[in-house]
């Protein structure tokens, strides 16, 4: 019986370590996405028809992330639940790039997430 308890404890400890490492990886991905907005020069962020600069957009995304709490466990959750559309109106967030092109923020973040995967490999 003692050996079974020890084995179960070891398995739980290993599983817990894997989950913690996975959480850290996802936090790094989310931070990468947020910082990409902070560093996006000359872009305008459009939320519910109003325009914001990068600093204001980052503040809003961090607030949404904090309010989402445990519902955001992955970078995909962050994009889907915080960075793609208004929770209140359902309207998509848009980004007008410095070249004048306007794209949905979800499209921007999905491309940035692909970039992240390319840089860590």
Protein backbone atom coordinates (compact mmCIF):
# COMPACT_ATOMS: atom_id res chain seq x y z
CA UNK A 1 0.00 0.00 0.00
CA UNK A 2 2.83 2.39 0.88
CA UNK A 3 4.49 1.79 -2.51
CA UNK A 4 1.24 2.61 -4.30
CA UNK A 5 0.89 5.89 -2.39
CA UNK A 6 4.49 6.83 -3.17
CA UNK A 7 4.00 5.99 -6.87
CA UNK A 8 0.79 8.04 -6.97
CA UNK A 9 2.55 10.98 -5.31
CA UNK A 10 5.42 10.83 -7.81
CA UNK A 11 3.00 10.70 -10.75
CA UNK A 12 1.02 13.66 -9.39
CA UNK A 13 4.21 15.65 -8.81
CA UNK A 14 5.39 14.99 -12.37
CA UNK A 15 1.99 15.85 -13.82
CA UNK A 16 1.86 19.05 -11.78
CA UNK A 17 5.30 20.06 -13.05
CA UNK A 18 4.25 19.49 -16.66
CA UNK A 19 1.13 21.63 -16.17
CA UNK A 20 3.15 24.40 -14.57
CA UNK A 21 5.64 24.39 -17.44
CA UNK A 22 2.77 24.46 -19.95
CA UNK A 23 1.20 27.42 -18.11
CA UNK A 24 4.51 29.30 -18.29
CA UNK A 25 4.82 28.64 -22.03
CA UNK A 26 1.29 29.91 -22.63
CA UNK A 27 1.96 33.02 -20.51
CA UNK A 28 5.04 33.72 -22.63
CA UNK A 29 2.99 33.41 -25.81
CA UNK A 30 0.33 35.78 -24.47
CA UNK A 31 2.97 38.28 -23.38
CA UNK A 32 4.56 38.04 -26.84
CA UNK A 33 1.19 38.86 -28.43
CA UNK A 34 0.57 41.81 -26.11
CA UNK A 35 4.06 43.23 -26.56
CA UNK A 36 3.67 42.98 -30.34
CA UNK A 37 0.86 45.53 -30.07
CA UNK A 38 2.94 47.73 -27.82
CA UNK A 39 5.72 47.74 -30.44
CA UNK A 40 3.50 48.16 -33.52
CA UNK A 41 4.53 51.62 -34.74
CA UNK A 42 2.00 53.95 -36.32
CA UNK A 43 -0.96 51.61 -35.90
CA UNK A 44 -4.43 52.64 -34.77
CA UNK A 45 -6.59 50.21 -32.83
CA UNK A 46 -10.31 50.43 -33.43
CA UNK A 47 -12.71 49.23 -30.77
CA UNK A 48 -16.46 49.81 -31.14
CA UNK A 49 -15.81 52.58 -33.67
CA UNK A 50 -13.34 54.52 -31.49
CA UNK A 51 -9.62 54.80 -32.22
CA UNK A 52 -6.82 54.13 -29.72
CA UNK A 53 -3.04 54.12 -29.77
CA UNK A 54 -0.91 51.10 -28.91
CA UNK A 55 -0.53 51.96 -25.23
CA UNK A 56 -4.30 52.27 -24.79
CA UNK A 57 -4.88 49.03 -26.69
CA UNK A 58 -2.42 47.19 -24.45
CA UNK A 59 -4.06 48.57 -21.32
CA UNK A 60 -7.44 47.37 -22.56
CA UNK A 61 -6.13 43.90 -23.46
CA UNK A 62 -4.44 43.50 -20.07
CA UNK A 63 -7.65 44.54 -18.34
CA UNK A 64 -9.65 42.00 -20.35
CA UNK A 65 -7.06 39.31 -19.62
CA UNK A 66 -7.24 40.04 -15.90
CA UNK A 67 -11.05 40.03 -15.94
CA UNK A 68 -11.12 36.74 -17.85
CA UNK A 69 -9.23 35.06 -15.02
CA UNK A 70 -8.99 31.29 -15.31
CA UNK A 71 -10.96 31.17 -18.56
CA UNK A 72 -7.77 32.17 -20.43
CA UNK A 73 -5.37 29.25 -20.18
CA UNK A 74 -3.76 29.41 -23.64
CA UNK A 75 -2.71 31.97 -26.23
CA UNK A 76 -5.63 30.78 -28.35
CA UNK A 77 -8.00 31.50 -25.44
CA UNK A 78 -6.47 34.97 -25.17
CA UNK A 79 -7.05 35.69 -28.85
CA UNK A 80 -10.56 34.29 -28.81
CA UNK A 81 -11.77 35.72 -25.49
CA UNK A 82 -9.81 38.97 -25.10
CA UNK A 83 -8.25 40.20 -28.32
CA UNK A 84 -10.72 39.61 -31.13
CA UNK A 85 -13.96 41.38 -30.36
CA UNK A 86 -15.89 43.46 -27.91
CA UNK A 87 -17.47 41.39 -25.16
CA UNK A 88 -20.30 43.91 -24.94
CA UNK A 89 -21.16 44.61 -28.59
CA UNK A 90 -19.65 41.57 -30.32
CA UNK A 91 -18.02 43.89 -32.89
CA UNK A 92 -14.59 42.75 -34.05
CA UNK A 93 -11.55 44.75 -33.01
CA UNK A 94 -9.69 46.22 -35.97
CA UNK A 95 -6.14 47.45 -36.51
CA UNK A 96 -5.28 50.12 -39.07
CA UNK A 97 -1.64 49.56 -39.88
CA UNK A 98 0.80 52.36 -40.66
CA UNK A 99 0.47 51.55 -44.39
CA UNK A 100 -3.29 52.31 -44.20
CA UNK A 101 -4.46 48.70 -44.46
CA UNK A 102 -7.13 47.74 -41.89
CA UNK A 103 -7.32 44.16 -40.61
CA UNK A 104 -9.23 42.32 -37.92
CA UNK A 105 -7.18 42.04 -34.75
CA UNK A 106 -7.85 38.29 -34.67
CA UNK A 107 -6.09 37.96 -38.03
CA UNK A 108 -3.16 40.02 -36.72
CA UNK A 109 -2.81 37.95 -33.54
CA UNK A 110 -3.09 34.61 -35.35
CA UNK A 111 -0.24 35.68 -37.66
CA UNK A 112 1.82 36.84 -34.67
CA UNK A 113 1.25 33.50 -32.96
CA UNK A 114 2.57 31.74 -36.07
CA UNK A 115 5.61 34.03 -35.89
CA UNK A 116 6.12 33.06 -32.27
CA UNK A 117 6.19 29.35 -33.21
CA UNK A 118 8.76 30.05 -35.91
CA UNK A 119 11.04 31.98 -33.55
CA UNK A 120 11.08 29.38 -30.77
CA UNK A 121 11.88 26.40 -32.99
